[in-house]
Amino acid sequence: MKLYHVETQEYYDALMKELDEKGYYWSSYDGIFDINEWPTYKSETVVNANDDKKELSYAYRDFYISRYPNEEIITYKAKREGHTMTAWLKIFKIFGSKQRK
């Protein structure tokens, strides 16, 4: 298990791209881009990447701090290479993402 704290929508999007390339998926959805989970908790969002199952879940930061006090929470920062991040965000917006209601 790896816990990733994503402070911004941009960092969330970059993490989703990285995890998608590694074969991860949301535990309750077909694909990693079927839904955008960041708006639920915004800067307090933590993504739980289960390495064994390649499965993702999420919750607010304090949940993981209290539930897994000995587990490191990695603050994820997007790697920027020229305009790569900007181009990726445009692609993400073109295909859209549904927000949980």
PDB file of N, CA and C in Angstrom:
ATOM      1  N   MET A   1       0.850  -1.179   0.000  1.00  0.00           N
ATOM      2  CA  MET A   1       0.000   0.000   0.000  1.00  0.00           C
ATOM      3  C   MET A   1       0.889   1.234   0.000  1.00  0.00           C
ATOM      4  N   LYS A   2       0.520   2.177  -0.869  1.00  0.00           N
ATOM      5  CA  LYS A   2       1.164   3.492  -0.882  1.00  0.00           C
ATOM      6  C   LYS A   2       0.069   4.538  -0.779  1.00  0.00           C
ATOM      7  N   LEU A   3       0.303   5.515   0.079  1.00  0.00           N
ATOM      8  CA  LEU A   3      -0.659   6.594   0.278  1.00  0.00           C
ATOM      9  C   LEU A   3      -0.084   7.865  -0.312  1.00  0.00           C
ATOM     10  N   TYR A   4      -0.823   8.463  -1.239  1.00  0.00           N
ATOM     11  CA  TYR A   4      -0.373   9.680  -1.925  1.00  0.00           C
ATOM     12  C   TYR A   4      -1.291  10.849  -1.575  1.00  0.00           C
ATOM     13  N   HIS A   5      -0.734  11.858  -0.948  1.00  0.00           N
ATOM     14  CA  HIS A   5      -1.467  13.091  -0.668  1.00  0.00           C
ATOM     15  C   HIS A   5      -1.305  13.993  -1.887  1.00  0.00           C
ATOM     16  N   VAL A   6      -2.425  14.422  -2.472  1.00  0.00           N
ATOM     17  CA  VAL A   6      -2.382  15.297  -3.650  1.00  0.00           C
ATOM     18  C   VAL A   6      -3.035  16.633  -3.292  1.00  0.00           C
ATOM     19  N   GLU A   7      -2.226  17.674  -3.255  1.00  0.00           N
ATOM     20  CA  GLU A   7      -2.682  18.985  -2.783  1.00  0.00           C
ATOM     21  C   GLU A   7      -3.464  19.779  -3.813  1.00  0.00           C
ATOM     22  N   THR A   8      -3.286  19.472  -5.093  1.00  0.00           N
ATOM     23  CA  THR A   8      -3.955  20.243  -6.147  1.00  0.00           C
ATOM     24  C   THR A   8      -4.562  19.305  -7.186  1.00  0.00           C
ATOM     25  N   GLN A   9      -5.479  19.834  -7.967  1.00  0.00           N
ATOM     26  CA  GLN A   9      -6.066  19.058  -9.063  1.00  0.00           C
ATOM     27  C   GLN A   9      -4.975  18.660 -10.059  1.00  0.00           C
ATOM     28  N   GLU A  10      -4.031  19.553 -10.299  1.00  0.00           N
ATOM     29  CA  GLU A  10      -2.937  19.260 -11.235  1.00  0.00           C
ATOM     30  C   GLU A  10      -2.115  18.055 -10.758  1.00  0.00           C
ATOM     31  N   TYR A  11      -1.793  18.006  -9.479  1.00  0.00           N
ATOM     32  CA  TYR A  11      -1.025  16.888  -8.946  1.00  0.00           C
ATOM     33  C   TYR A  11      -1.850  15.599  -8.980  1.00  0.00           C
ATOM     34  N   TYR A  12      -3.124  15.714  -8.689  1.00  0.00           N
ATOM     35  CA  TYR A  12      -4.021  14.557  -8.765  1.00  0.00           C
ATOM     36  C   TYR A  12      -4.028  13.996 -10.187  1.00  0.00           C
ATOM     37  N   ASP A  13      -4.202  14.887 -11.178  1.00  0.00           N
ATOM     38  CA  ASP A  13      -4.246  14.447 -12.577  1.00  0.00           C
ATOM     39  C   ASP A  13      -2.950  13.753 -12.982  1.00  0.00           C
ATOM     40  N   ALA A  14      -1.821  14.307 -12.556  1.00  0.00           N
ATOM     41  CA  ALA A  14      -0.522  13.714 -12.887  1.00  0.00           C
ATOM     42  C   ALA A  14      -0.361  12.344 -12.227  1.00  0.00           C
ATOM     43  N   LEU A  15      -0.794  12.224 -10.980  1.00  0.00           N
ATOM     44  CA  LEU A  15      -0.719  10.942 -10.287  1.00  0.00           C
ATOM     45  C   LEU A  15      -1.601   9.910 -10.979  1.00  0.00           C
ATOM     46  N   MET A  16      -2.804  10.311 -11.389  1.00  0.00           N
ATOM     47  CA  MET A  16      -3.697   9.376 -12.079  1.00  0.00           C
ATOM     48  C   MET A  16      -3.068   8.884 -13.381  1.00  0.00           C
ATOM     49  N   LYS A  17      -2.425   9.769 -14.101  1.00  0.00           N
ATOM     50  CA  LYS A  17      -1.760   9.371 -15.349  1.00  0.00           C
ATOM     51  C   LYS A  17      -0.666   8.350 -15.053  1.00  0.00           C
ATOM     52  N   GLU A  18       0.134   8.640 -14.035  1.00  0.00           N
ATOM     53  CA  GLU A  18       1.227   7.743 -13.663  1.00  0.00           C
ATOM     54  C   GLU A  18       0.697   6.375 -13.216  1.00  0.00           C
ATOM     55  N   LEU A  19      -0.332   6.374 -12.395  1.00  0.00           N
ATOM     56  CA  LEU A  19      -0.885   5.109 -11.908  1.00  0.00           C
ATOM     57  C   LEU A  19      -1.604   4.336 -13.018  1.00  0.00           C
ATOM     58  N   ASP A  20      -2.236   5.046 -13.943  1.00  0.00           N
ATOM     59  CA  ASP A  20      -2.875   4.394 -15.091  1.00  0.00           C
ATOM     60  C   ASP A  20      -1.826   3.661 -15.930  1.00  0.00           C
ATOM     61  N   GLU A  21      -0.686   4.303 -16.142  1.00  0.00           N
ATOM     62  CA  GLU A  21       0.394   3.683 -16.916  1.00  0.00           C
ATOM     63  C   GLU A  21       0.936   2.430 -16.229  1.00  0.00           C
ATOM     64  N   LYS A  22       0.752   2.343 -14.908  1.00  0.00           N
ATOM     65  CA  LYS A  22       1.214   1.183 -14.143  1.00  0.00           C
ATOM     66  C   LYS A  22       0.112   0.126 -13.987  1.00  0.00           C
ATOM     67  N   GLY A  23      -1.076   0.384 -14.571  1.00  0.00           N
ATOM     68  CA  GLY A  23      -2.140  -0.601 -14.569  1.00  0.00           C
ATOM     69  C   GLY A  23      -3.119  -0.534 -13.402  1.00  0.00           C
ATOM     70  N   TYR A  24      -3.111   0.545 -12.650  1.00  0.00           N
ATOM     71  CA  TYR A  24      -4.043   0.686 -11.531  1.00  0.00           C
ATOM     72  C   TYR A  24      -5.443   1.048 -12.023  1.00  0.00           C
ATOM     73  N   TYR A  25      -6.442   0.783 -11.179  1.00  0.00           N
ATOM     74  CA  TYR A  25      -7.831   1.137 -11.487  1.00  0.00           C
ATOM     75  C   TYR A  25      -8.554   1.424 -10.171  1.00  0.00           C
ATOM     76  N   TRP A  26      -9.665   2.163 -10.237  1.00  0.00           N
ATOM     77  CA  TRP A  26     -10.462   2.431  -9.042  1.00  0.00           C
ATOM     78  C   TRP A  26     -11.187   1.166  -8.625  1.00  0.00           C
ATOM     79  N   SER A  27     -11.285   0.932  -7.340  1.00  0.00           N
ATOM     80  CA  SER A  27     -11.903  -0.295  -6.838  1.00  0.00           C
ATOM     81  C   SER A  27     -13.375  -0.410  -7.228  1.00  0.00           C
ATOM     82  N   SER A  28     -14.061   0.703  -7.451  1.00  0.00           N
ATOM     83  CA  SER A  28     -15.497   0.640  -7.749  1.00  0.00           C
ATOM     84  C   SER A  28     -15.867   1.173  -9.137  1.00  0.00           C
ATOM     85  N   TYR A  29     -14.881   1.360 -10.015  1.00  0.00           N
ATOM     86  CA  TYR A  29     -15.147   1.879 -11.363  1.00  0.00           C
ATOM     87  C   TYR A  29     -14.346   1.085 -12.377  1.00  0.00           C
ATOM     88  N   ASP A  30     -14.750   1.156 -13.616  1.00  0.00           N
ATOM     89  CA  ASP A  30     -14.042   0.424 -14.656  1.00  0.00           C
ATOM     90  C   ASP A  30     -12.635   0.958 -14.895  1.00  0.00           C
ATOM     91  N   GLY A  31     -12.511   2.269 -15.104  1.00  0.00           N
ATOM     92  CA  GLY A  31     -11.219   2.841 -15.452  1.00  0.00           C
ATOM     93  C   GLY A  31     -10.813   3.969 -14.534  1.00  0.00           C
ATOM     94  N   ILE A  32      -9.547   4.277 -14.571  1.00  0.00           N
ATOM     95  CA  ILE A  32      -8.988   5.288 -13.678  1.00  0.00           C
ATOM     96  C   ILE A  32      -9.516   6.687 -13.981  1.00  0.00           C
ATOM     97  N   PHE A  33      -9.922   6.928 -15.229  1.00  0.00           N
ATOM     98  CA  PHE A  33     -10.406   8.261 -15.608  1.00  0.00           C
ATOM     99  C   PHE A  33     -11.933   8.346 -15.673  1.00  0.00           C
ATOM    100  N   ASP A  34     -12.624   7.326 -15.169  1.00  0.00           N
ATOM    101  CA  ASP A  34     -14.088   7.346 -15.171  1.00  0.00           C
ATOM    102  C   ASP A  34     -14.653   8.408 -14.238  1.00  0.00           C
ATOM    103  N   ILE A  35     -13.875   8.789 -13.255  1.00  0.00           N
ATOM    104  CA  ILE A  35     -14.366   9.753 -12.269  1.00  0.00           C
ATOM    105  C   ILE A  35     -13.186  10.553 -11.719  1.00  0.00           C
ATOM    106  N   ASN A  36     -13.470  11.766 -11.328  1.00  0.00           N
ATOM    107  CA  ASN A  36     -12.461  12.648 -10.727  1.00  0.00           C
ATOM    108  C   ASN A  36     -12.765  12.730  -9.238  1.00  0.00           C
ATOM    109  N   GLU A  37     -11.947  12.105  -8.408  1.00  0.00           N
ATOM    110  CA  GLU A  37     -12.188  12.064  -6.973  1.00  0.00           C
ATOM    111  C   GLU A  37     -11.640  13.278  -6.225  1.00  0.00           C
ATOM    112  N   TRP A  38     -10.792  14.087  -6.842  1.00  0.00           N
ATOM    113  CA  TRP A  38     -10.144  15.192  -6.123  1.00  0.00           C
ATOM    114  C   TRP A  38     -11.126  16.224  -5.564  1.00  0.00           C
ATOM    115  N   PRO A  39     -12.172  16.621  -6.267  1.00  0.00           N
ATOM    116  CA  PRO A  39     -13.072  17.656  -5.727  1.00  0.00           C
ATOM    117  C   PRO A  39     -13.768  17.288  -4.420  1.00  0.00           C
ATOM    118  N   THR A  40     -13.848  16.024  -4.095  1.00  0.00           N
ATOM    119  CA  THR A  40     -14.519  15.611  -2.862  1.00  0.00           C
ATOM    120  C   THR A  40     -13.816  16.168  -1.625  1.00  0.00           C
ATOM    121  N   TYR A  41     -12.500  15.988  -1.543  1.00  0.00           N
ATOM    122  CA  TYR A  41     -11.736  16.445  -0.371  1.00  0.00           C
ATOM    123  C   TYR A  41     -10.706  17.516  -0.706  1.00  0.00           C
ATOM    124  N   LYS A  42     -10.602  17.836  -1.976  1.00  0.00           N
ATOM    125  CA  LYS A  42      -9.676  18.868  -2.469  1.00  0.00           C
ATOM    126  C   LYS A  42      -8.267  18.665  -1.900  1.00  0.00           C
ATOM    127  N   SER A  43      -7.697  19.676  -1.270  1.00  0.00           N
ATOM    128  CA  SER A  43      -6.294  19.609  -0.839  1.00  0.00           C
ATOM    129  C   SER A  43      -6.042  18.581   0.271  1.00  0.00           C
ATOM    130  N   GLU A  44      -7.083  17.965   0.790  1.00  0.00           N
ATOM    131  CA  GLU A  44      -6.940  16.931   1.823  1.00  0.00           C
ATOM    132  C   GLU A  44      -7.056  15.523   1.243  1.00  0.00           C
ATOM    133  N   THR A  45      -7.116  15.411  -0.085  1.00  0.00           N
ATOM    134  CA  THR A  45      -7.288  14.116  -0.752  1.00  0.00           C
ATOM    135  C   THR A  45      -6.037  13.246  -0.624  1.00  0.00           C
ATOM    136  N   VAL A  46      -6.259  11.985  -0.251  1.00  0.00           N
ATOM    137  CA  VAL A  46      -5.190  10.992  -0.242  1.00  0.00           C
ATOM    138  C   VAL A  46      -5.676   9.794  -1.061  1.00  0.00           C
ATOM    139  N   VAL A  47      -4.835   9.365  -1.995  1.00  0.00           N
ATOM    140  CA  VAL A  47      -5.127   8.199  -2.830  1.00  0.00           C
ATOM    141  C   VAL A  47      -4.349   7.017  -2.273  1.00  0.00           C
ATOM    142  N   ASN A  48      -5.056   5.915  -2.053  1.00  0.00           N
ATOM    143  CA  ASN A  48      -4.464   4.685  -1.551  1.00  0.00           C
ATOM    144  C   ASN A  48      -4.245   3.747  -2.741  1.00  0.00           C
ATOM    145  N   ALA A  49      -2.990   3.472  -3.053  1.00  0.00           N
ATOM    146  CA  ALA A  49      -2.647   2.581  -4.164  1.00  0.00           C
ATOM    147  C   ALA A  49      -2.256   1.219  -3.588  1.00  0.00           C
ATOM    148  N   ASN A  50      -3.133   0.228  -3.780  1.00  0.00           N
ATOM    149  CA  ASN A  50      -2.886  -1.132  -3.313  1.00  0.00           C
ATOM    150  C   ASN A  50      -2.009  -1.826  -4.356  1.00  0.00           C
ATOM    151  N   ASP A  51      -0.746  -2.017  -4.019  1.00  0.00           N
ATOM    152  CA  ASP A  51       0.211  -2.579  -4.979  1.00  0.00           C
ATOM    153  C   ASP A  51      -0.111  -4.008  -5.390  1.00  0.00           C
ATOM    154  N   ASP A  52      -0.678  -4.797  -4.483  1.00  0.00           N
ATOM    155  CA  ASP A  52      -0.966  -6.201  -4.795  1.00  0.00           C
ATOM    156  C   ASP A  52      -2.061  -6.348  -5.845  1.00  0.00           C
ATOM    157  N   LYS A  53      -3.120  -5.583  -5.688  1.00  0.00           N
ATOM    158  CA  LYS A  53      -4.273  -5.698  -6.591  1.00  0.00           C
ATOM    159  C   LYS A  53      -4.290  -4.651  -7.698  1.00  0.00           C
ATOM    160  N   LYS A  54      -3.381  -3.674  -7.628  1.00  0.00           N
ATOM    161  CA  LYS A  54      -3.372  -2.533  -8.574  1.00  0.00           C
ATOM    162  C   LYS A  54      -4.691  -1.766  -8.468  1.00  0.00           C
ATOM    163  N   GLU A  55      -5.212  -1.690  -7.257  1.00  0.00           N
ATOM    164  CA  GLU A  55      -6.510  -1.089  -7.007  1.00  0.00           C
ATOM    165  C   GLU A  55      -6.348   0.223  -6.235  1.00  0.00           C
ATOM    166  N   LEU A  56      -7.185   1.210  -6.570  1.00  0.00           N
ATOM    167  CA  LEU A  56      -7.133   2.516  -5.918  1.00  0.00           C
ATOM    168  C   LEU A  56      -8.381   2.770  -5.092  1.00  0.00           C
ATOM    169  N   SER A  57      -8.195   3.490  -4.001  1.00  0.00           N
ATOM    170  CA  SER A  57      -9.292   4.032  -3.212  1.00  0.00           C
ATOM    171  C   SER A  57      -8.831   5.400  -2.723  1.00  0.00           C
ATOM    172  N   TYR A  58      -9.714   6.131  -2.088  1.00  0.00           N
ATOM    173  CA  TYR A  58      -9.328   7.463  -1.628  1.00  0.00           C
ATOM    174  C   TYR A  58     -10.131   7.840  -0.391  1.00  0.00           C
ATOM    175  N   ALA A  59      -9.623   8.821   0.337  1.00  0.00           N
ATOM    176  CA  ALA A  59     -10.316   9.379   1.498  1.00  0.00           C
ATOM    177  C   ALA A  59      -9.605  10.679   1.861  1.00  0.00           C
ATOM    178  N   TYR A  60     -10.097  11.321   2.911  1.00  0.00           N
ATOM    179  CA  TYR A  60      -9.443  12.545   3.362  1.00  0.00           C
ATOM    180  C   TYR A  60      -8.219  12.177   4.200  1.00  0.00           C
ATOM    181  N   ARG A  61      -7.273  13.083   4.252  1.00  0.00           N
ATOM    182  CA  ARG A  61      -5.966  12.849   4.870  1.00  0.00           C
ATOM    183  C   ARG A  61      -6.079  12.352   6.313  1.00  0.00           C
ATOM    184  N   ASP A  62      -6.910  12.995   7.128  1.00  0.00           N
ATOM    185  CA  ASP A  62      -7.031  12.614   8.538  1.00  0.00           C
ATOM    186  C   ASP A  62      -7.520  11.181   8.722  1.00  0.00           C
ATOM    187  N   PHE A  63      -8.318  10.683   7.783  1.00  0.00           N
ATOM    188  CA  PHE A  63      -8.771   9.293   7.851  1.00  0.00           C
ATOM    189  C   PHE A  63      -7.572   8.354   7.839  1.00  0.00           C
ATOM    190  N   TYR A  64      -6.651   8.561   6.882  1.00  0.00           N
ATOM    191  CA  TYR A  64      -5.490   7.682   6.774  1.00  0.00           C
ATOM    192  C   TYR A  64      -4.524   7.884   7.933  1.00  0.00           C
ATOM    193  N   ILE A  65      -4.410   9.094   8.435  1.00  0.00           N
ATOM    194  CA  ILE A  65      -3.542   9.344   9.585  1.00  0.00           C
ATOM    195  C   ILE A  65      -4.043   8.566  10.800  1.00  0.00           C
ATOM    196  N   SER A  66      -5.359   8.578  11.011  1.00  0.00           N
ATOM    197  CA  SER A  66      -5.899   7.872  12.179  1.00  0.00           C
ATOM    198  C   SER A  66      -5.977   6.354  11.959  1.00  0.00           C
ATOM    199  N   ARG A  67      -6.292   5.927  10.746  1.00  0.00           N
ATOM    200  CA  ARG A  67      -6.455   4.490  10.475  1.00  0.00           C
ATOM    201  C   ARG A  67      -5.119   3.758  10.326  1.00  0.00           C
ATOM    202  N   TYR A  68      -4.137   4.444   9.722  1.00  0.00           N
ATOM    203  CA  TYR A  68      -2.825   3.844   9.483  1.00  0.00           C
ATOM    204  C   TYR A  68      -1.734   4.769  10.036  1.00  0.00           C
ATOM    205  N   PRO A  69      -1.650   4.904  11.363  1.00  0.00           N
ATOM    206  CA  PRO A  69      -0.719   5.873  11.950  1.00  0.00           C
ATOM    207  C   PRO A  69       0.759   5.601  11.657  1.00  0.00           C
ATOM    208  N   ASN A  70       1.105   4.379  11.320  1.00  0.00           N
ATOM    209  CA  ASN A  70       2.510   4.046  11.048  1.00  0.00           C
ATOM    210  C   ASN A  70       2.840   4.024   9.557  1.00  0.00           C
ATOM    211  N   GLU A  71       1.853   4.320   8.728  1.00  0.00           N
ATOM    212  CA  GLU A  71       2.053   4.294   7.271  1.00  0.00           C
ATOM    213  C   GLU A  71       2.445   5.691   6.785  1.00  0.00           C
ATOM    214  N   GLU A  72       3.490   5.749   5.972  1.00  0.00           N
ATOM    215  CA  GLU A  72       3.929   7.033   5.425  1.00  0.00           C
ATOM    216  C   GLU A  72       2.916   7.538   4.392  1.00  0.00           C
ATOM    217  N   ILE A  73       2.607   8.823   4.461  1.00  0.00           N
ATOM    218  CA  ILE A  73       1.779   9.464   3.451  1.00  0.00           C
ATOM    219  C   ILE A  73       2.710  10.324   2.603  1.00  0.00           C
ATOM    220  N   ILE A  74       2.822   9.966   1.337  1.00  0.00           N
ATOM    221  CA  ILE A  74       3.718  10.657   0.401  1.00  0.00           C
ATOM    222  C   ILE A  74       2.993  11.857  -0.189  1.00  0.00           C
ATOM    223  N   THR A  75       3.568  13.038  -0.040  1.00  0.00           N
ATOM    224  CA  THR A  75       2.989  14.213  -0.698  1.00  0.00           C
ATOM    225  C   THR A  75       3.474  14.195  -2.135  1.00  0.00           C
ATOM    226  N   TYR A  76       2.542  13.933  -3.048  1.00  0.00           N
ATOM    227  CA  TYR A  76       2.872  13.770  -4.466  1.00  0.00           C
ATOM    228  C   TYR A  76       2.958  15.125  -5.145  1.00  0.00           C
ATOM    229  N   LYS A  77       4.033  15.348  -5.853  1.00  0.00           N
ATOM    230  CA  LYS A  77       4.224  16.554  -6.665  1.00  0.00           C
ATOM    231  C   LYS A  77       4.442  16.111  -8.105  1.00  0.00           C
ATOM    232  N   ALA A  78       3.751  16.729  -9.021  1.00  0.00           N
ATOM    233  CA  ALA A  78       3.869  16.380 -10.442  1.00  0.00           C
ATOM    234  C   ALA A  78       5.248  16.721 -10.957  1.00  0.00           C
ATOM    235  N   LYS A  79       5.750  15.846 -11.799  1.00  0.00           N
ATOM    236  CA  LYS A  79       7.020  16.110 -12.472  1.00  0.00           C
ATOM    237  C   LYS A  79       6.706  16.907 -13.721  1.00  0.00           C
ATOM    238  N   ARG A  80       7.344  18.025 -13.863  1.00  0.00           N
ATOM    239  CA  ARG A  80       7.075  18.874 -15.027  1.00  0.00           C
ATOM    240  C   ARG A  80       8.235  18.778 -16.007  1.00  0.00           C
ATOM    241  N   GLU A  81       7.899  18.487 -17.223  1.00  0.00           N
ATOM    242  CA  GLU A  81       8.894  18.412 -18.291  1.00  0.00           C
ATOM    243  C   GLU A  81       8.398  19.256 -19.446  1.00  0.00           C
ATOM    244  N   GLY A  82       8.870  20.483 -19.527  1.00  0.00           N
ATOM    245  CA  GLY A  82       8.431  21.378 -20.592  1.00  0.00           C
ATOM    246  C   GLY A  82       6.935  21.599 -20.517  1.00  0.00           C
ATOM    247  N   HIS A  83       6.248  21.320 -21.603  1.00  0.00           N
ATOM    248  CA  HIS A  83       4.809  21.525 -21.669  1.00  0.00           C
ATOM    249  C   HIS A  83       4.040  20.204 -21.516  1.00  0.00           C
ATOM    250  N   THR A  84       4.731  19.166 -21.094  1.00  0.00           N
ATOM    251  CA  THR A  84       4.090  17.856 -20.983  1.00  0.00           C
ATOM    252  C   THR A  84       2.866  17.893 -20.080  1.00  0.00           C
ATOM    253  N   MET A  85       2.990  18.523 -18.908  1.00  0.00           N
ATOM    254  CA  MET A  85       1.868  18.558 -17.975  1.00  0.00           C
ATOM    255  C   MET A  85       0.704  19.346 -18.561  1.00  0.00           C
ATOM    256  N   THR A  86       0.979  20.480 -19.183  1.00  0.00           N
ATOM    257  CA  THR A  86      -0.074  21.282 -19.791  1.00  0.00           C
ATOM    258  C   THR A  86      -0.792  20.490 -20.872  1.00  0.00           C
ATOM    259  N   ALA A  87      -0.039  19.797 -21.705  1.00  0.00           N
ATOM    260  CA  ALA A  87      -0.634  18.992 -22.774  1.00  0.00           C
ATOM    261  C   ALA A  87      -1.491  17.880 -22.190  1.00  0.00           C
ATOM    262  N   TRP A  88      -1.011  17.220 -21.145  1.00  0.00           N
ATOM    263  CA  TRP A  88      -1.780  16.148 -20.524  1.00  0.00           C
ATOM    264  C   TRP A  88      -3.092  16.678 -19.959  1.00  0.00           C
ATOM    265  N   LEU A  89      -3.049  17.827 -19.284  1.00  0.00           N
ATOM    266  CA  LEU A  89      -4.260  18.386 -18.693  1.00  0.00           C
ATOM    267  C   LEU A  89      -5.289  18.727 -19.764  1.00  0.00           C
ATOM    268  N   LYS A  90      -4.833  19.204 -20.914  1.00  0.00           N
ATOM    269  CA  LYS A  90      -5.753  19.495 -22.010  1.00  0.00           C
ATOM    270  C   LYS A  90      -6.426  18.212 -22.496  1.00  0.00           C
ATOM    271  N   ILE A  91      -5.650  17.141 -22.623  1.00  0.00           N
ATOM    272  CA  ILE A  91      -6.204  15.860 -23.060  1.00  0.00           C
ATOM    273  C   ILE A  91      -7.232  15.376 -22.036  1.00  0.00           C
ATOM    274  N   PHE A  92      -6.896  15.488 -20.757  1.00  0.00           N
ATOM    275  CA  PHE A  92      -7.794  15.050 -19.688  1.00  0.00           C
ATOM    276  C   PHE A  92      -9.108  15.816 -19.757  1.00  0.00           C
ATOM    277  N   LYS A  93      -9.045  17.124 -20.000  1.00  0.00           N
ATOM    278  CA  LYS A  93     -10.250  17.945 -20.061  1.00  0.00           C
ATOM    279  C   LYS A  93     -11.076  17.633 -21.315  1.00  0.00           C
ATOM    280  N   ILE A  94     -10.408  17.311 -22.414  1.00  0.00           N
ATOM    281  CA  ILE A  94     -11.118  16.992 -23.649  1.00  0.00           C
ATOM    282  C   ILE A  94     -11.974  15.742 -23.460  1.00  0.00           C
ATOM    283  N   PHE A  95     -11.397  14.708 -22.859  1.00  0.00           N
ATOM    284  CA  PHE A  95     -12.136  13.471 -22.646  1.00  0.00           C
ATOM    285  C   PHE A  95     -13.057  13.560 -21.455  1.00  0.00           C
ATOM    286  N   GLY A  96     -12.824  14.566 -20.635  1.00  0.00           N
ATOM    287  CA  GLY A  96     -13.719  14.839 -19.507  1.00  0.00           C
ATOM    288  C   GLY A  96     -13.567  13.869 -18.362  1.00  0.00           C
ATOM    289  N   SER A  97     -14.128  14.261 -17.279  1.00  0.00           N
ATOM    290  CA  SER A  97     -14.170  13.398 -16.105  1.00  0.00           C
ATOM    291  C   SER A  97     -15.452  13.702 -15.363  1.00  0.00           C
ATOM    292  N   LYS A  98     -16.104  12.676 -14.909  1.00  0.00           N
ATOM    293  CA  LYS A  98     -17.343  12.845 -14.150  1.00  0.00           C
ATOM    294  C   LYS A  98     -16.978  13.086 -12.695  1.00  0.00           C
ATOM    295  N   GLN A  99     -17.696  13.963 -12.067  1.00  0.00           N
ATOM    296  CA  GLN A  99     -17.477  14.214 -10.652  1.00  0.00           C
ATOM    297  C   GLN A  99     -18.522  13.482  -9.850  1.00  0.00           C
ATOM    298  N   ARG A 100     -18.111  12.929  -8.733  1.00  0.00           N
ATOM    299  CA  ARG A 100     -19.046  12.238  -7.833  1.00  0.00           C
ATOM    300  C   ARG A 100     -20.021  13.243  -7.276  1.00  0.00           C
ATOM    301  N   LYS A 101     -21.270  12.868  -7.246  1.00  0.00           N
ATOM    302  CA  LYS A 101     -22.310  13.759  -6.721  1.00  0.00           C
ATOM    303  C   LYS A 101     -22.674  13.404  -5.317  1.00  0.00           C
TER     304      LYS A 101
END
